[in-house]
Structures are given as structure tokens and as C-alpha cells.
Amino acid sequence: MSSRLRLACATLLAATACAAQAQGAYGDQPIKVIVPFPPAGGTDVVTRLLVDKVRAATGWTFIVDNKAGAGGNIGMDAVAKSKADGYTLGMGQTANLAINPSLYSKMRYDATRDFVPVALVAGQPVVLVVNAASPFKTMADLVAAAKAKPSTVSMASAGNGTVGHLTGEMFAKQAGVKISHIPYKGAGPAATDLLGGQVDFYFATPQAVIPFIKSGKLRALAVSSAKRLPVLPDVPTVAEGGFKGFDTTDWKLLVAPAGTPADVVKRLNAEVAKAMSKPETAAQLLAEGSIPLSGSAAQAAQYLKAEQQRWSAVVRDSNVKLE
């Protein structure tokens, strides 16, 4: 081998070694997690709980970036268009990954192609609540009133196309009744009008109404999950009320941009699984009405595909469309 060739080989090996050293192990840079909703909401709370646990276990630095708007579409679009190196993640959920693709006539991203599922994190049903002074003591009372006077019983929601709204539409369809839907700009205004007696019922996120249920201002008639919520053990499921197979959940699923290296996804999935398996993590989630979820990245992908098909049918049946 000539001296010139040896020098070239040595230079190439040195450059490769330097590049590998510069790249470093995953986690040596801050990891941004985009939350497509405002601070203090359900998705934000779960995200911050998760990254705190992973940070404590790994020493990684996390930055939670709230990018709200358009039902979560703005934040998820930012994730989709980020570099696929594992240093930008997004906390997707039922609305922006499974409902919005069928709900909006134009989408900024393709929910089936632009992301790689990393890990399921948590699921949260919605709670069917009425004012404590309401004559409706059970789901049967509510259905009977809706059948007696079609389109007069009013349902609040936190907005068109939300899990609560579409759960209510599913409920009405299975009950064979017509209701009057009143969308609000968020959970707070919807709960306020329910408390004030302006609307009849509301499929609400647990965080928005549990304090009022505990104080006796609201009455919980049912939860939308397949099983009862530990935080509301005396409240039956919708399925128990005669709606066989009824089950809706607002799940949280950590995603990365499509093309993110498989080894990075696998490492992230493992760290999320460790964090979610801690007893204190489960206790915190259960206290707010959430249920810890787990599984491999492949299982998360299968779950997402099934949910996208399911919610697409719900949106179609409800005849709801947004621009």
C-alpha cells in the first residue's frame, strides 16, 4: 500500500470516528416534546408527568413546547415537519390522530404516514354528567326524556369533533334518540353552563368535572370506558346501562416524525414503559381519571390504525365536518 493510500485511509477512519463521537449516544441533546394543546390541559398534564419520570431515570433534558390550535393540528403539523432524529416528539391523542383526519376537509399532515408511533401512554374516558338538580337520575331517565321530546334535550361539548362530542353522538345513535348539541370553546365554559342549568348533560373529561362531582354540584350517570374508573367506582359504564360494547377513550400516544431511527424508537418505548410502570405514576394518573397504558411500538401502531378506522366511521355517521 502506498504512503498516499495509507494516509487517505487513516484520514477516512479518523473522520468516521470523529463523526461517530460527534453524534454521540441518544439523549445527549435536549428532547423537545410538542404538546398540541394549551398548558394545564389533560394532554399537557400527562406529558409533563411522563417526561419528569423519564428525566429522573435517564438524566435526559426535555423541553415541553405547547403549540395549540386547530384541534391539535398545528402542533402535530410541527412534529410531522421536524427532523426525524428522535429529538422532536409529539404527544398525539384521539382527536388529532384519529378524529381530525376525517373531521377536517383539509389537513396539514397525514396522520397515517407522517408519524411513527412510539408508545401508548394513557387513556381517559369521558364522564356523562348532569346538574345535581337535574331530574335525570340515570341514563334511562335521560334516554326516556329524549325519546319523549326529540331534539329538545341539550348536550354540551368542549367543541365540535372532540371525543366528548362524538361520544355523545354515538350514545344518541345507539339509544335511537335525537339530541340538541351545543359546542363550547373548551371544557371550562361547557361545565359552567351545565352548572348554571343552561344545558342538560355533558360528556366531560374527568379533570373538568370530578371536583364538582365530589362537591355534589354535578351528578355522574356513567363513564364511557369499558370498565369503571377507579376514581369513580360507584359510577356505572355506559355499557352497563344497556349499551353493549360501548367504549370510548381519549388516549395519549407519543409519536415521532416518520423516518425516526428504529433503535431510537425502541429506546424511547422502553423508557416510557419503565416510567409508566412505576406505582407512583399509575397512582397519579388514576387519581385524575386516567388509566396507564403500555405495549411495544408495534402494538401502539396497531392500536392507532384500529382507532383511526373506528373514529372515521363515527365522524361519518355524525355528519360533522370542519374547515
Protein backbone atom coordinates (compact mmCIF):
# COMPACT_ATOMS: atom_id res chain seq x y z
CA MET A 1 0.00 0.00 0.00
CA SER A 2 1.41 3.37 -0.99
CA SER A 3 2.03 6.05 1.60
CA ARG A 4 -0.57 8.25 -0.13
CA LEU A 5 -3.20 5.48 0.12
CA ARG A 6 -2.34 4.80 3.77
CA LEU A 7 -2.75 8.49 4.53
CA ALA A 8 -6.12 8.58 2.78
CA CYS A 9 -7.34 5.53 4.74
CA ALA A 10 -6.13 6.97 8.02
CA THR A 11 -7.89 10.26 7.25
CA LEU A 12 -11.13 8.44 6.41
CA LEU A 13 -11.01 6.37 9.60
CA ALA A 14 -10.34 9.44 11.70
CA ALA A 15 -13.22 11.32 10.08
CA THR A 16 -15.58 8.38 10.70
CA ALA A 17 -14.52 8.15 14.33
CA CYS A 18 -14.97 11.89 14.82
CA ALA A 19 -18.41 11.77 13.22
CA ALA A 20 -19.48 8.92 15.48
CA GLN A 21 -18.13 10.73 18.53
CA ALA A 22 -19.87 13.94 17.48
CA GLN A 23 -23.14 12.12 17.03
CA GLY A 24 -22.93 10.62 20.50
CA ALA A 25 -25.45 8.41 22.23
CA TYR A 26 -29.15 9.20 22.04
CA GLY A 27 -30.19 11.64 24.72
CA ASP A 28 -27.09 13.83 24.65
CA GLN A 29 -29.19 16.70 23.25
CA PRO A 30 -32.38 18.28 24.62
CA ILE A 31 -35.50 16.40 23.54
CA LYS A 32 -38.44 18.60 22.56
CA VAL A 33 -41.92 17.20 23.19
CA ILE A 34 -44.62 19.17 21.41
CA VAL A 35 -47.99 19.25 23.17
CA PRO A 36 -50.64 20.39 20.65
CA PHE A 37 -52.84 21.92 23.36
CA PRO A 38 -52.52 24.72 25.95
CA PRO A 39 -50.70 24.27 29.29
CA ALA A 40 -52.58 22.68 32.20
CA GLY A 41 -54.94 20.66 29.99
CA GLY A 42 -55.21 16.88 30.17
CA THR A 43 -52.67 16.15 27.42
CA ASP A 44 -50.21 18.67 28.87
CA VAL A 45 -50.50 17.25 32.41
CA VAL A 46 -49.89 13.67 31.23
CA THR A 47 -46.94 14.77 29.07
CA ARG A 48 -45.21 16.63 31.88
CA LEU A 49 -45.74 13.73 34.27
CA LEU A 50 -44.19 11.35 31.74
CA VAL A 51 -41.13 13.46 30.90
CA ASP A 52 -40.44 14.11 34.58
CA LYS A 53 -40.30 10.36 35.21
CA VAL A 54 -38.14 9.65 32.16
CA ARG A 55 -35.83 12.57 33.01
CA ALA A 56 -35.33 11.24 36.52
CA ALA A 57 -34.45 7.78 35.21
CA THR A 58 -32.18 8.77 32.31
CA GLY A 59 -30.84 12.24 33.00
CA TRP A 60 -32.11 13.37 29.59
CA THR A 61 -33.14 17.01 29.15
CA PHE A 62 -36.70 17.61 27.97
CA ILE A 63 -38.39 20.75 26.69
CA VAL A 64 -42.19 20.72 26.62
CA ASP A 65 -43.43 23.01 23.87
CA ASN A 66 -47.16 23.87 23.82
CA LYS A 67 -48.35 24.58 20.28
CA ALA A 68 -52.13 24.82 20.48
CA GLY A 69 -54.72 25.46 17.80
CA ALA A 70 -56.99 23.84 15.21
CA GLY A 71 -57.92 20.91 17.42
CA GLY A 72 -54.29 19.91 17.85
CA ASN A 73 -53.47 20.12 14.13
CA ILE A 74 -50.97 22.99 14.42
CA GLY A 75 -48.79 21.23 16.96
CA MET A 76 -48.90 17.87 15.21
CA ASP A 77 -48.00 19.53 11.91
CA ALA A 78 -44.88 20.92 13.60
CA VAL A 79 -43.97 17.40 14.71
CA ALA A 80 -44.55 15.96 11.25
CA LYS A 81 -42.24 18.54 9.66
CA SER A 82 -39.44 18.18 12.23
CA LYS A 83 -36.14 16.42 11.65
CA ALA A 84 -36.54 12.67 12.14
CA ASP A 85 -33.69 12.23 14.59
CA GLY A 86 -35.62 11.49 17.78
CA TYR A 87 -35.09 14.93 19.27
CA THR A 88 -38.58 16.21 18.43
CA LEU A 89 -41.55 14.18 19.62
CA GLY A 90 -45.27 14.89 19.90
CA MET A 91 -47.98 13.82 22.31
CA GLY A 92 -50.70 12.79 19.92
CA GLN A 93 -54.16 11.79 21.06
CA THR A 94 -57.52 10.63 19.84
CA ALA A 95 -58.59 13.94 18.27
CA ASN A 96 -55.51 14.87 16.28
CA LEU A 97 -54.51 11.36 15.20
CA ALA A 98 -57.83 9.55 14.75
CA ILE A 99 -60.72 12.04 14.57
CA ASN A 100 -59.39 15.13 12.79
CA PRO A 101 -58.28 13.33 9.59
CA SER A 102 -61.95 12.58 8.88
CA LEU A 103 -63.37 15.69 10.54
CA TYR A 104 -61.41 18.40 8.69
CA SER A 105 -61.79 18.84 4.94
CA LYS A 106 -58.12 19.90 4.72
CA MET A 107 -55.32 18.59 6.94
CA ARG A 108 -51.81 19.95 7.39
CA TYR A 109 -50.37 16.45 7.82
CA ASP A 110 -51.15 12.82 7.04
CA ALA A 111 -51.84 11.08 10.34
CA THR A 112 -51.24 7.64 8.82
CA ARG A 113 -47.90 8.40 7.14
CA ASP A 114 -46.18 11.35 8.81
CA PHE A 115 -45.60 9.78 12.23
CA VAL A 116 -44.13 6.67 13.78
CA PRO A 117 -45.92 5.61 17.00
CA VAL A 118 -43.50 5.37 19.91
CA ALA A 119 -45.65 4.32 22.86
CA LEU A 120 -49.15 4.40 24.23
CA VAL A 121 -49.10 6.42 27.44
CA ALA A 122 -52.55 6.75 28.97
CA GLY A 123 -56.25 6.56 28.23
CA GLN A 124 -59.06 8.63 29.65
CA PRO A 125 -62.79 8.05 29.21
CA VAL A 126 -65.34 10.83 29.35
CA VAL A 127 -67.96 11.11 32.08
CA LEU A 128 -71.66 11.63 31.42
CA VAL A 129 -72.70 14.29 33.92
CA VAL A 130 -75.83 16.31 34.69
CA ASN A 131 -76.57 19.12 37.10
CA ALA A 132 -77.26 17.86 40.64
CA ALA A 133 -80.72 19.44 40.39
CA SER A 134 -81.49 17.62 37.13
CA PRO A 135 -84.48 15.24 37.06
CA PHE A 136 -82.24 12.70 35.30
CA LYS A 137 -81.03 10.23 37.89
CA THR A 138 -79.96 7.53 35.41
CA MET A 139 -79.12 7.09 31.73
CA ALA A 140 -82.56 5.55 31.31
CA ASP A 141 -84.17 8.79 32.54
CA LEU A 142 -82.14 10.79 30.04
CA VAL A 143 -82.99 8.50 27.13
CA ALA A 144 -86.69 8.48 28.05
CA ALA A 145 -86.80 12.28 28.03
CA ALA A 146 -85.01 12.45 24.68
CA LYS A 147 -87.43 9.96 23.17
CA ALA A 148 -90.44 11.82 24.53
CA LYS A 149 -89.33 15.16 23.07
CA PRO A 150 -86.82 14.69 20.21
CA SER A 151 -84.10 17.33 19.81
CA THR A 152 -85.07 19.17 22.99
CA VAL A 153 -82.62 17.55 25.42
CA SER A 154 -79.37 19.51 25.09
CA MET A 155 -75.81 18.22 25.23
CA ALA A 156 -72.79 20.42 25.87
CA SER A 157 -69.36 19.65 24.47
CA ALA A 158 -65.92 21.22 24.64
CA GLY A 159 -66.11 21.75 20.88
CA ASN A 160 -67.14 20.19 17.60
CA GLY A 161 -65.36 16.93 16.89
CA THR A 162 -64.00 16.43 20.39
CA VAL A 163 -64.08 12.99 21.98
CA GLY A 164 -66.90 14.15 24.26
CA HIS A 165 -68.96 15.43 21.34
CA LEU A 166 -68.58 12.27 19.26
CA THR A 167 -69.14 10.05 22.28
CA GLY A 168 -72.44 11.86 22.78
CA GLU A 169 -73.33 11.32 19.14
CA MET A 170 -72.55 7.59 19.48
CA PHE A 171 -74.66 7.45 22.63
CA ALA A 172 -77.61 9.14 20.90
CA LYS A 173 -77.37 6.87 17.87
CA GLN A 174 -77.29 3.68 19.96
CA ALA A 175 -80.18 4.98 22.09
CA GLY A 176 -82.17 5.85 18.99
CA VAL A 177 -82.75 9.47 20.05
CA LYS A 178 -82.13 12.95 18.67
CA ILE A 179 -80.41 15.49 20.88
CA SER A 180 -79.50 19.15 20.58
CA HIS A 181 -75.72 19.59 20.53
CA ILE A 182 -74.27 22.84 21.90
CA PRO A 183 -70.50 23.17 21.31
CA TYR A 184 -68.42 25.41 23.58
CA LYS A 185 -64.91 26.77 23.29
CA GLY A 186 -63.38 24.43 25.81
CA ALA A 187 -64.26 22.27 28.79
CA GLY A 188 -64.48 25.16 31.25
CA PRO A 189 -67.31 27.08 29.54
CA ALA A 190 -69.23 23.86 28.94
CA ALA A 191 -69.01 22.89 32.62
CA THR A 192 -70.00 26.41 33.67
CA ASP A 193 -73.22 26.31 31.66
CA LEU A 194 -74.04 22.82 32.90
CA LEU A 195 -73.61 24.06 36.47
CA GLY A 196 -75.84 27.02 35.62
CA GLY A 197 -78.57 24.83 34.21
CA GLN A 198 -78.29 26.13 30.63
CA VAL A 199 -77.71 22.64 29.20
CA ASP A 200 -78.96 19.19 30.20
CA PHE A 201 -75.92 16.92 30.02
CA TYR A 202 -72.25 16.78 29.09
CA PHE A 203 -69.73 14.04 28.25
CA ALA A 204 -66.78 15.65 30.01
CA THR A 205 -63.14 14.87 30.70
CA PRO A 206 -62.74 13.71 34.32
CA GLN A 207 -60.41 16.60 35.24
CA ALA A 208 -63.08 19.12 34.26
CA VAL A 209 -65.87 17.68 36.40
CA ILE A 210 -64.56 15.39 39.17
CA PRO A 211 -64.25 18.31 41.63
CA PHE A 212 -67.92 19.20 41.00
CA ILE A 213 -68.98 15.57 41.31
CA LYS A 214 -67.16 15.28 44.63
CA SER A 215 -68.71 18.52 45.91
CA GLY A 216 -72.21 17.39 44.93
CA LYS A 217 -72.80 20.07 42.29
CA LEU A 218 -72.86 17.59 39.42
CA ARG A 219 -74.19 14.04 39.19
CA ALA A 220 -72.26 11.42 37.22
CA LEU A 221 -74.52 9.00 35.36
CA ALA A 222 -71.90 6.94 33.51
CA VAL A 223 -68.35 6.66 32.22
CA SER A 224 -67.61 5.87 28.58
CA SER A 225 -64.88 3.26 29.14
CA ALA A 226 -65.39 -0.49 29.07
CA LYS A 227 -64.57 -0.68 32.79
CA ARG A 228 -65.45 1.59 35.69
CA LEU A 229 -62.99 4.29 36.67
CA PRO A 230 -61.16 3.67 39.96
CA VAL A 231 -61.60 7.34 40.87
CA LEU A 232 -65.40 6.98 40.38
CA PRO A 233 -66.02 3.37 41.45
CA ASP A 234 -69.77 3.80 42.02
CA VAL A 235 -70.45 5.24 38.56
CA PRO A 236 -71.52 2.57 36.02
CA THR A 237 -70.22 2.34 32.49
CA VAL A 238 -72.43 3.24 29.54
CA ALA A 239 -72.25 -0.43 28.56
CA GLU A 240 -73.66 -1.41 31.95
CA GLY A 241 -76.61 0.87 31.21
CA GLY A 242 -77.64 -1.34 28.31
CA PHE A 243 -75.33 -0.13 25.53
CA LYS A 244 -73.41 -3.31 24.82
CA GLY A 245 -69.84 -2.83 23.66
CA PHE A 246 -69.86 0.94 24.22
CA ASP A 247 -66.28 2.10 24.85
CA THR A 248 -64.62 5.42 24.01
CA THR A 249 -61.33 6.71 25.33
CA ASP A 250 -59.29 9.85 24.85
CA TRP A 251 -55.89 8.19 24.63
CA LYS A 252 -52.43 9.76 24.59
CA LEU A 253 -49.83 8.32 22.20
CA LEU A 254 -46.23 9.55 21.95
CA VAL A 255 -45.14 9.85 18.31
CA ALA A 256 -42.05 10.85 16.36
CA PRO A 257 -41.67 12.10 12.78
CA ALA A 258 -41.76 9.35 10.16
CA GLY A 259 -38.25 8.09 9.43
CA THR A 260 -37.01 8.32 13.01
CA PRO A 261 -34.42 5.53 13.51
CA ALA A 262 -35.90 2.27 14.79
CA ASP A 263 -33.29 1.95 17.55
CA VAL A 264 -34.25 5.39 18.89
CA VAL A 265 -37.95 4.50 18.84
CA LYS A 266 -37.19 1.24 20.66
CA ARG A 267 -35.15 3.06 23.34
CA LEU A 268 -37.85 5.67 23.86
CA ASN A 269 -40.52 3.00 24.10
CA ALA A 270 -38.52 1.15 26.75
CA GLU A 271 -38.04 4.30 28.85
CA VAL A 272 -41.73 5.23 28.59
CA ALA A 273 -42.68 1.70 29.67
CA LYS A 274 -40.42 1.98 32.73
CA ALA A 275 -41.89 5.35 33.66
CA MET A 276 -45.48 4.20 33.28
CA SER A 277 -44.89 1.03 35.31
CA LYS A 278 -43.88 2.96 38.42
CA PRO A 279 -46.57 2.72 41.13
CA GLU A 280 -46.45 6.45 41.82
CA THR A 281 -47.03 7.22 38.11
CA ALA A 282 -50.06 4.95 37.99
CA ALA A 283 -51.40 6.45 41.21
CA GLN A 284 -51.17 10.00 39.85
CA LEU A 285 -52.90 9.06 36.60
CA LEU A 286 -55.66 7.10 38.29
CA ALA A 287 -56.34 9.99 40.68
CA GLU A 288 -57.15 12.30 37.78
CA GLY A 289 -59.30 9.78 35.95
CA SER A 290 -56.71 8.38 33.54
CA ILE A 291 -55.63 4.79 33.02
CA PRO A 292 -51.95 3.92 32.34
CA LEU A 293 -51.36 2.18 29.02
CA SER A 294 -48.36 0.25 27.76
CA GLY A 295 -47.05 -2.01 24.98
CA SER A 296 -44.45 -2.08 22.25
CA ALA A 297 -44.16 0.47 19.45
CA ALA A 298 -45.62 -2.12 17.08
CA GLN A 299 -48.63 -2.59 19.35
CA ALA A 300 -49.08 1.20 19.51
CA ALA A 301 -49.10 1.29 15.69
CA GLN A 302 -51.74 -1.46 15.52
CA TYR A 303 -53.87 0.32 18.13
CA LEU A 304 -53.64 3.61 16.23
CA LYS A 305 -54.67 2.02 12.94
CA ALA A 306 -57.73 0.41 14.55
CA GLU A 307 -58.74 3.67 16.26
CA GLN A 308 -58.38 5.66 13.04
CA GLN A 309 -60.74 3.27 11.28
CA ARG A 310 -63.20 3.33 14.16
CA TRP A 311 -63.37 7.11 14.61
CA SER A 312 -63.57 7.66 10.87
CA ALA A 313 -66.84 5.74 10.91
CA VAL A 314 -68.10 7.73 13.91
CA VAL A 315 -67.38 11.05 12.19
CA ARG A 316 -69.09 9.84 9.02
CA ASP A 317 -72.17 8.72 10.94
CA SER A 318 -72.39 12.00 12.85
CA ASN A 319 -72.28 14.10 9.67
CA VAL A 320 -69.83 16.56 11.23
CA LYS A 321 -67.31 18.40 9.05
CA LEU A 322 -64.97 21.29 9.83
CA GLU A 323 -62.95 23.54 7.54
